[in-house]
C-alpha atoms as a PDB file:
ATOM      1  CA  MET A   1      -9.836  -4.015 -20.315  1.00  0.00           C
ATOM      2  CA  THR A   2      -6.999  -4.618 -17.805  1.00  0.00           C
ATOM      3  CA  PRO A   3      -5.545  -1.254 -16.633  1.00  0.00           C
ATOM      4  CA  ALA A   4      -1.817  -0.639 -17.007  1.00  0.00           C
ATOM      5  CA  ARG A   5       0.165  -2.127 -14.142  1.00  0.00           C
ATOM      6  CA  LEU A   6       3.698  -0.903 -13.383  1.00  0.00           C
ATOM      7  CA  ALA A   7       5.803  -2.744 -10.750  1.00  0.00           C
ATOM      8  CA  THR A   8       9.208  -2.758  -9.115  1.00  0.00           C
ATOM      9  CA  PHE A   9      10.827  -6.155  -8.860  1.00  0.00           C
ATOM     10  CA  THR A  10      14.057  -8.014  -8.254  1.00  0.00           C
ATOM     11  CA  VAL A  11      15.500 -10.594 -10.574  1.00  0.00           C
ATOM     12  CA  ASN A  12      19.067 -11.931 -10.916  1.00  0.00           C
ATOM     13  CA  ASN A  13      20.152  -9.790  -7.907  1.00  0.00           C
ATOM     14  CA  ALA A  14      19.082  -6.585  -9.726  1.00  0.00           C
ATOM     15  CA  THR A  15      16.136  -4.357  -8.805  1.00  0.00           C
ATOM     16  CA  LYS A  16      14.183  -3.221 -11.907  1.00  0.00           C
ATOM     17  CA  TYR A  17      10.752  -1.870 -12.828  1.00  0.00           C
ATOM     18  CA  GLY A  18       8.393  -2.910 -15.607  1.00  0.00           C
ATOM     19  CA  ALA A  19       4.921  -3.426 -16.991  1.00  0.00           C
ATOM     20  CA  VAL A  20       2.993  -6.482 -15.688  1.00  0.00           C
ATOM     21  CA  THR A  21       1.123  -8.513 -18.270  1.00  0.00           C
ATOM     22  CA  GLU A  22      -0.684 -11.854 -18.115  1.00  0.00           C
ATOM     23  CA  ARG A  23       2.347 -13.567 -19.748  1.00  0.00           C
ATOM     24  CA  GLY A  24       5.049 -11.930 -17.673  1.00  0.00           C
ATOM     25  CA  ILE A  25       6.778  -8.614 -16.990  1.00  0.00           C
ATOM     26  CA  VAL A  26       8.292  -6.229 -19.563  1.00  0.00           C
ATOM     27  CA  ASP A  27      11.560  -4.749 -18.347  1.00  0.00           C
ATOM     28  CA  LEU A  28      10.957  -0.977 -18.707  1.00  0.00           C
ATOM     29  CA  SER A  29      14.096  -0.038 -16.720  1.00  0.00           C
ATOM     30  CA  LEU A  30      16.093  -1.442 -19.565  1.00  0.00           C
ATOM     31  CA  ARG A  31      14.339   0.708 -22.072  1.00  0.00           C
ATOM     32  CA  PHE A  32      14.009   3.959 -20.034  1.00  0.00           C
ATOM     33  CA  SER A  33      17.494   4.328 -18.473  1.00  0.00           C
ATOM     34  CA  GLN A  34      16.806   8.028 -17.865  1.00  0.00           C
ATOM     35  CA  TYR A  35      14.545   6.880 -15.027  1.00  0.00           C
ATOM     36  CA  PRO A  36      16.513   4.912 -12.438  1.00  0.00           C
ATOM     37  CA  THR A  37      13.135   3.985 -10.632  1.00  0.00           C
ATOM     38  CA  LEU A  38       9.401   4.526 -10.952  1.00  0.00           C
ATOM     39  CA  ARG A  39       9.776   7.490  -8.701  1.00  0.00           C
ATOM     40  CA  GLU A  40      11.709   9.409 -11.274  1.00  0.00           C
ATOM     41  CA  ALA A  41       9.282   8.409 -13.982  1.00  0.00           C
ATOM     42  CA  ILE A  42       6.407   9.742 -11.871  1.00  0.00           C
ATOM     43  CA  ALA A  43       8.207  13.004 -11.308  1.00  0.00           C
ATOM     44  CA  ASP A  44       8.571  13.425 -15.108  1.00  0.00           C
ATOM     45  CA  ASN A  45       4.904  12.626 -15.662  1.00  0.00           C
ATOM     46  CA  ALA A  46       5.970   9.627 -17.683  1.00  0.00           C
ATOM     47  CA  LEU A  47       3.770   6.788 -16.528  1.00  0.00           C
ATOM     48  CA  ALA A  48       1.538   6.889 -19.573  1.00  0.00           C
ATOM     49  CA  LYS A  49       4.602   6.684 -21.745  1.00  0.00           C
ATOM     50  CA  LEU A  50       5.819   3.672 -19.798  1.00  0.00           C
ATOM     51  CA  ALA A  51       2.464   1.979 -19.976  1.00  0.00           C
ATOM     52  CA  ASP A  52       2.369   2.482 -23.721  1.00  0.00           C
ATOM     53  CA  ALA A  53       5.793   0.887 -24.122  1.00  0.00           C
ATOM     54  CA  GLY A  54       4.824  -2.000 -21.883  1.00  0.00           C
ATOM     55  CA  ALA A  55       1.988  -2.803 -24.200  1.00  0.00           C
ATOM     56  CA  LYS A  56       4.239  -3.033 -27.212  1.00  0.00           C
ATOM     57  CA  HIS A  57       6.830  -5.418 -26.068  1.00  0.00           C
ATOM     58  CA  ALA A  58       6.968  -9.132 -25.201  1.00  0.00           C
ATOM     59  CA  PRO A  59       7.656 -10.007 -21.533  1.00  0.00           C
ATOM     60  CA  ASP A  60      11.349 -10.216 -20.452  1.00  0.00           C
ATOM     61  CA  PHE A  61      10.744 -12.321 -17.369  1.00  0.00           C
ATOM     62  CA  ALA A  62       8.112 -14.834 -16.216  1.00  0.00           C
ATOM     63  CA  LEU A  63       6.239 -13.701 -13.034  1.00  0.00           C
ATOM     64  CA  ASP A  64       7.386 -16.798 -11.168  1.00  0.00           C
ATOM     65  CA  THR A  65      11.054 -15.790 -11.620  1.00  0.00           C
ATOM     66  CA  ILE A  66      10.774 -12.364  -9.901  1.00  0.00           C
ATOM     67  CA  SER A  67      10.555 -11.118  -6.350  1.00  0.00           C
ATOM     68  CA  TRP A  68       7.996  -8.250  -5.960  1.00  0.00           C
ATOM     69  CA  GLN A  69       9.081  -5.104  -4.208  1.00  0.00           C
ATOM     70  CA  PRO A  70       7.090  -2.100  -2.898  1.00  0.00           C
ATOM     71  CA  PRO A  71       6.439  -0.195  -6.064  1.00  0.00           C
ATOM     72  CA  ILE A  72       7.885   3.156  -5.099  1.00  0.00           C
ATOM     73  CA  PRO A  73      11.450   2.842  -3.726  1.00  0.00           C
ATOM     74  CA  ALA A  74      12.517   5.319  -0.941  1.00  0.00           C
ATOM     75  CA  PRO A  75       9.510   7.640  -0.957  1.00  0.00           C
ATOM     76  CA  GLU A  76      10.148  10.865   0.857  1.00  0.00           C
ATOM     77  CA  LYS A  77       6.920  10.425   2.895  1.00  0.00           C
ATOM     78  CA  ILE A  78       4.540   7.649   3.762  1.00  0.00           C
ATOM     79  CA  ILE A  79       1.570   9.269   5.434  1.00  0.00           C
ATOM     80  CA  CYS A  80      -1.148   6.997   6.846  1.00  0.00           C
ATOM     81  CA  ILE A  81      -4.733   8.001   7.749  1.00  0.00           C
ATOM     82  CA  GLY A  82      -6.502   6.464  10.744  1.00  0.00           C
ATOM     83  CA  VAL A  83     -10.236   5.989  11.459  1.00  0.00           C
ATOM     84  CA  ASN A  84     -11.519   6.999   8.041  1.00  0.00           C
ATOM     85  CA  TYR A  85     -14.520   4.711   7.554  1.00  0.00           C
ATOM     86  CA  PRO A  86     -17.827   5.352   9.400  1.00  0.00           C
ATOM     87  CA  ASP A  87     -18.037   1.812  10.824  1.00  0.00           C
ATOM     88  CA  ARG A  88     -14.326   1.937  11.891  1.00  0.00           C
ATOM     89  CA  ASN A  89     -15.113   5.040  14.026  1.00  0.00           C
ATOM     90  CA  ALA A  90     -18.051   3.135  15.655  1.00  0.00           C
ATOM     91  CA  GLU A  91     -15.691   0.215  16.457  1.00  0.00           C
ATOM     92  CA  TYR A  92     -14.021   2.289  19.127  1.00  0.00           C
ATOM     93  CA  LYS A  93     -17.202   2.391  21.140  1.00  0.00           C
ATOM     94  CA  ASP A  94     -16.260   5.617  22.808  1.00  0.00           C
ATOM     95  CA  GLY A  95     -19.495   7.502  22.055  1.00  0.00           C
ATOM     96  CA  GLN A  96     -17.737  10.135  20.042  1.00  0.00           C
ATOM     97  CA  ASP A  97     -18.959  11.374  16.621  1.00  0.00           C
ATOM     98  CA  ALA A  98     -16.784  11.162  13.518  1.00  0.00           C
ATOM     99  CA  PRO A  99     -13.710  13.261  14.141  1.00  0.00           C
ATOM    100  CA  LYS A 100     -13.414  16.806  12.765  1.00  0.00           C
ATOM    101  CA  TYR A 101      -9.968  16.341  11.309  1.00  0.00           C
ATOM    102  CA  PRO A 102      -8.193  13.166  10.152  1.00  0.00           C
ATOM    103  CA  SER A 103      -5.826  11.194  12.426  1.00  0.00           C
ATOM    104  CA  MET A 104      -2.447  10.432  10.778  1.00  0.00           C
ATOM    105  CA  PHE A 105       0.917   9.064  11.401  1.00  0.00           C
ATOM    106  CA  MET A 106       4.084   8.400   9.349  1.00  0.00           C
ATOM    107  CA  ARG A 107       5.593   5.014   8.422  1.00  0.00           C
ATOM    108  CA  THR A 108       9.089   4.132   7.285  1.00  0.00           C
ATOM    109  CA  PRO A 109       9.792   2.335   3.960  1.00  0.00           C
ATOM    110  CA  ARG A 110      11.554  -0.436   5.914  1.00  0.00           C
ATOM    111  CA  SER A 111       8.264  -1.339   7.639  1.00  0.00           C
ATOM    112  CA  PHE A 112       6.806  -2.574   4.290  1.00  0.00           C
ATOM    113  CA  VAL A 113       7.523  -5.574   1.982  1.00  0.00           C
ATOM    114  CA  GLY A 114       6.257  -6.379  -1.487  1.00  0.00           C
ATOM    115  CA  HIS A 115       3.606  -8.671  -2.829  1.00  0.00           C
ATOM    116  CA  GLU A 116       4.126 -12.394  -1.988  1.00  0.00           C
ATOM    117  CA  ALA A 117       6.839 -11.537   0.539  1.00  0.00           C
ATOM    118  CA  PRO A 118       6.132 -12.617   4.161  1.00  0.00           C
ATOM    119  CA  VAL A 119       5.107 -10.040   6.706  1.00  0.00           C
ATOM    120  CA  VAL A 120       6.905 -10.589   9.915  1.00  0.00           C
ATOM    121  CA  ARG A 121       5.442 -11.136  13.400  1.00  0.00           C
ATOM    122  CA  PRO A 122       8.095  -9.619  15.709  1.00  0.00           C
ATOM    123  CA  ARG A 123       9.669 -11.410  18.657  1.00  0.00           C
ATOM    124  CA  ILE A 124       8.449  -8.878  21.123  1.00  0.00           C
ATOM    125  CA  SER A 125       4.754  -9.307  20.432  1.00  0.00           C
ATOM    126  CA  GLN A 126       2.169 -11.773  19.069  1.00  0.00           C
ATOM    127  CA  GLN A 127      -0.348  -8.953  18.293  1.00  0.00           C
ATOM    128  CA  LEU A 128       0.321  -8.562  14.498  1.00  0.00           C
ATOM    129  CA  ASP A 129      -2.839  -7.276  12.873  1.00  0.00           C
ATOM    130  CA  TYR A 130      -3.853  -6.559   9.272  1.00  0.00           C
ATOM    131  CA  GLU A 131      -5.408  -3.371   7.781  1.00  0.00           C
ATOM    132  CA  GLY A 132      -6.328  -3.380   4.030  1.00  0.00           C
ATOM    133  CA  GLU A 133      -6.189   0.090   2.489  1.00  0.00           C
ATOM    134  CA  VAL A 134      -6.274   1.989  -0.861  1.00  0.00           C
ATOM    135  CA  VAL A 135      -3.120   4.068  -1.439  1.00  0.00           C
ATOM    136  CA  LEU A 136      -2.647   7.263  -3.462  1.00  0.00           C
ATOM    137  CA  VAL A 137       0.747   7.931  -5.058  1.00  0.00           C
ATOM    138  CA  ILE A 138       1.587  11.548  -5.558  1.00  0.00           C
ATOM    139  CA  GLY A 139       2.607  12.693  -9.008  1.00  0.00           C
ATOM    140  CA  LYS A 140       2.822  16.517  -8.819  1.00  0.00           C
ATOM    141  CA  ALA A 141       4.281  18.521  -6.072  1.00  0.00           C
ATOM    142  CA  GLY A 142       2.111  20.985  -4.155  1.00  0.00           C
ATOM    143  CA  ARG A 143       1.521  22.970  -0.994  1.00  0.00           C
ATOM    144  CA  HIS A 144      -1.749  24.496   0.117  1.00  0.00           C
ATOM    145  CA  ILE A 145      -3.543  22.491  -2.567  1.00  0.00           C
ATOM    146  CA  PRO A 146      -7.247  23.515  -3.193  1.00  0.00           C
ATOM    147  CA  GLU A 147      -9.670  20.642  -2.887  1.00  0.00           C
ATOM    148  CA  ALA A 148     -10.991  21.517  -6.432  1.00  0.00           C
ATOM    149  CA  THR A 149      -7.637  20.610  -8.035  1.00  0.00           C
ATOM    150  CA  ALA A 150      -6.403  18.063  -5.504  1.00  0.00           C
ATOM    151  CA  LEU A 151      -6.867  14.986  -7.658  1.00  0.00           C
ATOM    152  CA  ASP A 152      -4.593  16.501 -10.345  1.00  0.00           C
ATOM    153  CA  HIS A 153      -1.771  15.667  -7.904  1.00  0.00           C
ATOM    154  CA  ILE A 154      -2.353  11.913  -8.077  1.00  0.00           C
ATOM    155  CA  ALA A 155      -0.053   9.877 -10.317  1.00  0.00           C
ATOM    156  CA  ALA A 156      -1.295   6.304  -9.436  1.00  0.00           C
ATOM    157  CA  VAL A 157      -3.049   4.101  -6.979  1.00  0.00           C
ATOM    158  CA  THR A 158      -1.988   0.862  -5.219  1.00  0.00           C
ATOM    159  CA  LEU A 159      -2.761  -1.256  -2.209  1.00  0.00           C
ATOM    160  CA  CYS A 160      -1.544  -1.609   1.337  1.00  0.00           C
ATOM    161  CA  ASN A 161      -1.730  -4.078   4.154  1.00  0.00           C
ATOM    162  CA  GLU A 162      -0.945  -1.546   6.934  1.00  0.00           C
ATOM    163  CA  GLY A 163       0.154  -4.131   9.409  1.00  0.00           C
ATOM    164  CA  THR A 164       0.110  -3.124  13.092  1.00  0.00           C
ATOM    165  CA  ILE A 165       1.471  -4.414  16.364  1.00  0.00           C
ATOM    166  CA  ARG A 166      -1.543  -3.665  18.525  1.00  0.00           C
ATOM    167  CA  ASP A 167      -0.034  -3.664  21.940  1.00  0.00           C
ATOM    168  CA  TRP A 168       2.755  -1.339  20.804  1.00  0.00           C
ATOM    169  CA  VAL A 169       0.331   1.302  19.486  1.00  0.00           C
ATOM    170  CA  ARG A 170      -0.615   1.812  23.138  1.00  0.00           C
ATOM    171  CA  HIS A 171       2.798   2.325  24.577  1.00  0.00           C
ATOM    172  CA  ALA A 172       2.407   6.041  24.843  1.00  0.00           C
ATOM    173  CA  LYS A 173      -0.465   8.392  25.521  1.00  0.00           C
ATOM    174  CA  PHE A 174      -0.659  10.313  22.249  1.00  0.00           C
ATOM    175  CA  ASN A 175       1.058   8.398  19.431  1.00  0.00           C
ATOM    176  CA  VAL A 176       0.941   5.084  17.649  1.00  0.00           C
ATOM    177  CA  THR A 177       4.304   5.326  15.868  1.00  0.00           C
ATOM    178  CA  GLN A 178       6.021   2.387  17.596  1.00  0.00           C
ATOM    179  CA  GLY A 179       3.327  -0.119  16.720  1.00  0.00           C
ATOM    180  CA  LYS A 180       3.132   1.082  13.151  1.00  0.00           C
ATOM    181  CA  ASN A 181       6.844   0.845  12.165  1.00  0.00           C
ATOM    182  CA  PHE A 182       8.190  -2.593  13.065  1.00  0.00           C
ATOM    183  CA  ASP A 183      10.330  -3.876  10.210  1.00  0.00           C
ATOM    184  CA  SER A 184       8.508  -5.847   7.464  1.00  0.00           C
ATOM    185  CA  THR A 185       5.154  -5.773   9.231  1.00  0.00           C
ATOM    186  CA  GLY A 186       3.128  -4.274   6.288  1.00  0.00           C
ATOM    187  CA  SER A 187       3.107  -4.568   2.577  1.00  0.00           C
ATOM    188  CA  LEU A 188       2.612  -2.347  -0.512  1.00  0.00           C
ATOM    189  CA  GLY A 189       1.772  -3.321  -4.077  1.00  0.00           C
ATOM    190  CA  PRO A 190       1.687  -5.433  -6.056  1.00  0.00           C
ATOM    191  CA  TRP A 191       2.061  -2.636  -8.600  1.00  0.00           C
ATOM    192  CA  ILE A 192       0.804   0.890  -9.270  1.00  0.00           C
ATOM    193  CA  VAL A 193      -2.120   1.582 -11.644  1.00  0.00           C
ATOM    194  CA  PRO A 194      -1.735   4.995 -13.278  1.00  0.00           C
ATOM    195  CA  TYR A 195      -4.485   7.433 -12.243  1.00  0.00           C
ATOM    196  CA  SER A 196      -6.936   8.523 -14.982  1.00  0.00           C
ATOM    197  CA  ASP A 197      -9.924  10.434 -13.461  1.00  0.00           C
ATOM    198  CA  GLU A 198     -12.074  10.589 -10.328  1.00  0.00           C
ATOM    199  CA  THR A 199     -14.412   7.866 -11.561  1.00  0.00           C
ATOM    200  CA  GLN A 200     -11.501   5.415 -11.169  1.00  0.00           C
ATOM    201  CA  ILE A 201     -11.248   5.857  -7.382  1.00  0.00           C
ATOM    202  CA  ALA A 202     -14.593   7.431  -6.224  1.00  0.00           C
ATOM    203  CA  ASP A 203     -16.351   4.118  -5.378  1.00  0.00           C
ATOM    204  CA  ILE A 204     -13.793   1.246  -5.179  1.00  0.00           C
ATOM    205  CA  ARG A 205     -14.770  -1.859  -3.333  1.00  0.00           C
ATOM    206  CA  LEU A 206     -11.961  -2.774  -0.852  1.00  0.00           C
ATOM    207  CA  THR A 207     -11.820  -6.253   0.787  1.00  0.00           C
ATOM    208  CA  THR A 208      -9.451  -7.986   3.094  1.00  0.00           C
ATOM    209  CA  ARG A 209      -9.356 -11.754   3.488  1.00  0.00           C
ATOM    210  CA  VAL A 210      -7.421 -13.963   5.923  1.00  0.00           C
ATOM    211  CA  ASN A 211      -6.994 -17.565   4.899  1.00  0.00           C
ATOM    212  CA  GLY A 212      -9.890 -17.054   2.535  1.00  0.00           C
ATOM    213  CA  GLU A 213     -12.260 -15.616   5.093  1.00  0.00           C
ATOM    214  CA  LEU A 214     -13.689 -12.109   4.338  1.00  0.00           C
ATOM    215  CA  ARG A 215     -12.724  -9.819   7.193  1.00  0.00           C
ATOM    216  CA  GLN A 216     -13.008  -6.363   5.789  1.00  0.00           C
ATOM    217  CA  ASP A 217     -15.433  -5.007   3.093  1.00  0.00           C
ATOM    218  CA  ASP A 218     -16.234  -1.379   2.384  1.00  0.00           C
ATOM    219  CA  ARG A 219     -16.201   1.217  -0.445  1.00  0.00           C
ATOM    220  CA  THR A 220     -14.115   4.417  -0.916  1.00  0.00           C
ATOM    221  CA  SER A 221     -17.384   6.358  -1.501  1.00  0.00           C
ATOM    222  CA  ARG A 222     -17.980   5.968   2.290  1.00  0.00           C
ATOM    223  CA  LEU A 223     -14.789   7.566   3.411  1.00  0.00           C
ATOM    224  CA  ILE A 224     -15.200  10.166   6.250  1.00  0.00           C
ATOM    225  CA  PHE A 225     -12.337  12.220   4.754  1.00  0.00           C
ATOM    226  CA  GLY A 226     -12.430  11.889   0.900  1.00  0.00           C
ATOM    227  CA  PHE A 227      -9.376  11.910  -1.285  1.00  0.00           C
ATOM    228  CA  ARG A 228      -9.639  15.556  -2.297  1.00  0.00           C
ATOM    229  CA  TYR A 229      -9.888  16.680   1.315  1.00  0.00           C
ATOM    230  CA  LEU A 230      -7.003  14.510   2.429  1.00  0.00           C
ATOM    231  CA  LEU A 231      -4.587  15.904  -0.144  1.00  0.00           C
ATOM    232  CA  SER A 232      -5.708  19.455   0.566  1.00  0.00           C
ATOM    233  CA  TYR A 233      -5.433  19.008   4.318  1.00  0.00           C
ATOM    234  CA  ILE A 234      -2.044  17.218   4.332  1.00  0.00           C
ATOM    235  CA  SER A 235      -0.538  19.845   1.925  1.00  0.00           C
ATOM    236  CA  THR A 236      -1.426  22.522   4.398  1.00  0.00           C
ATOM    237  CA  PHE A 237       1.420  21.423   6.689  1.00  0.00           C
ATOM    238  CA  THR A 238       3.827  19.663   4.352  1.00  0.00           C
ATOM    239  CA  THR A 239       4.744  19.921   0.656  1.00  0.00           C
ATOM    240  CA  LEU A 240       3.664  16.799  -1.242  1.00  0.00           C
ATOM    241  CA  VAL A 241       6.199  15.604  -3.763  1.00  0.00           C
ATOM    242  CA  PRO A 242       6.228  13.002  -6.484  1.00  0.00           C
ATOM    243  CA  GLY A 243       6.441   9.493  -5.075  1.00  0.00           C
ATOM    244  CA  ASP A 244       4.921  10.405  -1.737  1.00  0.00           C
ATOM    245  CA  ILE A 245       2.476   7.653  -0.515  1.00  0.00           C
ATOM    246  CA  ILE A 246      -0.860   8.360   1.169  1.00  0.00           C
ATOM    247  CA  VAL A 247      -2.440   5.371   2.839  1.00  0.00           C
ATOM    248  CA  THR A 248      -6.038   6.416   3.126  1.00  0.00           C
ATOM    249  CA  GLY A 249      -7.591   4.312   5.934  1.00  0.00           C
ATOM    250  CA  THR A 250      -8.908   0.905   6.654  1.00  0.00           C
ATOM    251  CA  PRO A 251     -12.533  -0.448   7.060  1.00  0.00           C
ATOM    252  CA  THR A 252     -13.952  -2.188  10.105  1.00  0.00           C
ATOM    253  CA  GLY A 253     -12.988  -5.804  10.701  1.00  0.00           C
ATOM    254  CA  ALA A 254      -9.314  -5.708  11.813  1.00  0.00           C
ATOM    255  CA  GLY A 255      -8.324  -8.665  14.057  1.00  0.00           C
ATOM    256  CA  ALA A 256      -8.147  -6.605  17.198  1.00  0.00           C
ATOM    257  CA  ARG A 257     -11.863  -5.835  17.101  1.00  0.00           C
ATOM    258  CA  PHE A 258     -13.001  -9.511  17.326  1.00  0.00           C
ATOM    259  CA  ASP A 259     -13.895 -10.954  20.720  1.00  0.00           C
ATOM    260  CA  PRO A 260     -11.481 -12.571  21.411  1.00  0.00           C
ATOM    261  CA  PRO A 261      -9.039 -10.724  19.102  1.00  0.00           C
ATOM    262  CA  ARG A 262      -7.874 -12.684  15.976  1.00  0.00           C
ATOM    263  CA  PHE A 263      -4.293 -11.774  15.457  1.00  0.00           C
ATOM    264  CA  LEU A 264      -2.171 -13.030  12.630  1.00  0.00           C
ATOM    265  CA  LYS A 265       0.075 -16.052  13.101  1.00  0.00           C
ATOM    266  CA  PRO A 266       2.622 -17.800  11.073  1.00  0.00           C
ATOM    267  CA  GLY A 267       1.204 -19.610   8.112  1.00  0.00           C
ATOM    268  CA  ASP A 268      -1.700 -17.173   7.718  1.00  0.00           C
ATOM    269  CA  VAL A 269      -2.332 -15.579   4.321  1.00  0.00           C
ATOM    270  CA  ILE A 270      -3.642 -12.019   4.014  1.00  0.00           C
ATOM    271  CA  GLU A 271      -5.236 -10.803   0.643  1.00  0.00           C
ATOM    272  CA  VAL A 272      -6.121  -7.192   0.193  1.00  0.00           C
ATOM    273  CA  GLU A 273      -8.103  -6.586  -2.966  1.00  0.00           C
ATOM    274  CA  ALA A 274      -9.649  -3.611  -4.662  1.00  0.00           C
ATOM    275  CA  GLU A 275     -11.616  -3.126  -7.917  1.00  0.00           C
ATOM    276  CA  GLY A 276      -9.534  -1.822 -10.746  1.00  0.00           C
ATOM    277  CA  ILE A 277      -6.268  -2.127  -8.800  1.00  0.00           C
ATOM    278  CA  GLY A 278      -5.510  -5.707  -7.968  1.00  0.00           C
ATOM    279  CA  LEU A 279      -4.800  -8.167  -5.233  1.00  0.00           C
ATOM    280  CA  LEU A 280      -1.926  -7.819  -2.665  1.00  0.00           C
ATOM    281  CA  ARG A 281      -1.054 -11.170  -0.979  1.00  0.00           C
ATOM    282  CA  ASN A 282       1.250 -11.920   1.833  1.00  0.00           C
ATOM    283  CA  GLY A 283       1.985 -14.805   4.146  1.00  0.00           C
ATOM    284  CA  VAL A 284       3.096 -14.446   7.746  1.00  0.00           C
ATOM    285  CA  VAL A 285       6.312 -15.704   9.421  1.00  0.00           C
ATOM    286  CA  ASP A 286       7.870 -15.233  12.825  1.00  0.00           C
ATOM    287  CA  GLU A 287      10.863 -12.884  13.134  1.00  0.00           C
ATOM    288  CA  ASN A 288      13.306 -15.622  13.887  1.00  0.00           C
ATOM    289  CA  LEU A 289      12.405 -17.333  10.582  1.00  0.00           C
ATOM    290  CA  ALA A 290      12.794 -14.159   8.551  1.00  0.00           C
ATOM    291  CA  LEU A 291      16.281 -12.883   9.587  1.00  0.00           C
ATOM    292  CA  SER A 292      17.723 -13.876   6.211  1.00  0.00           C
ATOM    293  CA  PRO A 293      16.085 -12.541   3.035  1.00  0.00           C
ATOM    294  CA  LEU A 294      14.739 -14.999   0.514  1.00  0.00           C
ATOM    295  CA  PRO A 295      17.192 -15.804  -2.236  1.00  0.00           C
ATOM    296  CA  THR A 296      16.575 -13.710  -5.334  1.00  0.00           C
ATOM    297  CA  GLY A 297      13.714 -15.108  -7.426  1.00  0.00           C
ATOM    298  CA  GLU A 298      12.166 -17.146  -4.612  1.00  0.00           C
ATOM    299  CA  ARG A 299       8.658 -16.351  -3.401  1.00  0.00           C
ATOM    300  CA  SER A 300       7.092 -16.944  -0.058  1.00  0.00           C
ATOM    301  CA  THR A 301       5.000 -20.071   0.323  1.00  0.00           C
ATOM    302  CA  ALA A 302       3.955 -19.031   3.825  1.00  0.00           C
END
């Protein structure tokens, strides 16, 4: 059975949210005006209600008439975890054991696009890289969350291509912020899948393909820092709130680790896929070709 899929999209110059079906998308923003976006629905613990309504109505729009947006508009926080798969730690070839605590950094909403929109290789660098990741969407606020109850704070899961400008993550001694926040270099989506229980996320196969070639392939059961630990650890220093996004780490196989490196170029297509969640696809364009947004309803063919 296909899990419920809730997406944010633009059609006829209006941004909406709805339930994705095989035949199209049901406009739930029309039927639940009390929730301006999915973020408010998450805060009201209403995703199950939305999913039920989506299953009862015929689609309002065909999928080829919409433009996909990142599912959660204007999240308060986007927190990304680095070096969280065992083979990824070994890739650094620095002789160090797995880290004691997770590495992390923040990203801005503007650094992400939605499904089928092009990610942008910036003018300043040709070192645009891909990183496929599973994403947790927070549903219940919390601080100092115990590991035992941490998963109760998850509302949904989605996918991320956590695009990175490799030479810019090395501009400073102790941070990677610059190389992680170029406009439109990553993507989120295509939709969120409401969280049910731990079996849904405990052992997900996560893959990334570039132009059909498998580059990354691992399972969430192998994470160095599991989902329970991450939510507990993060909530030690910041209050997690509904709509916050936790990007949980990428497997080995990013382009920078090949010899020679295999960075993304215009015309490439990246596909991040995970069992029970879906497939996030994006083409690549150069910045000078992406200064003007696509007209509403058009989808990238890059």
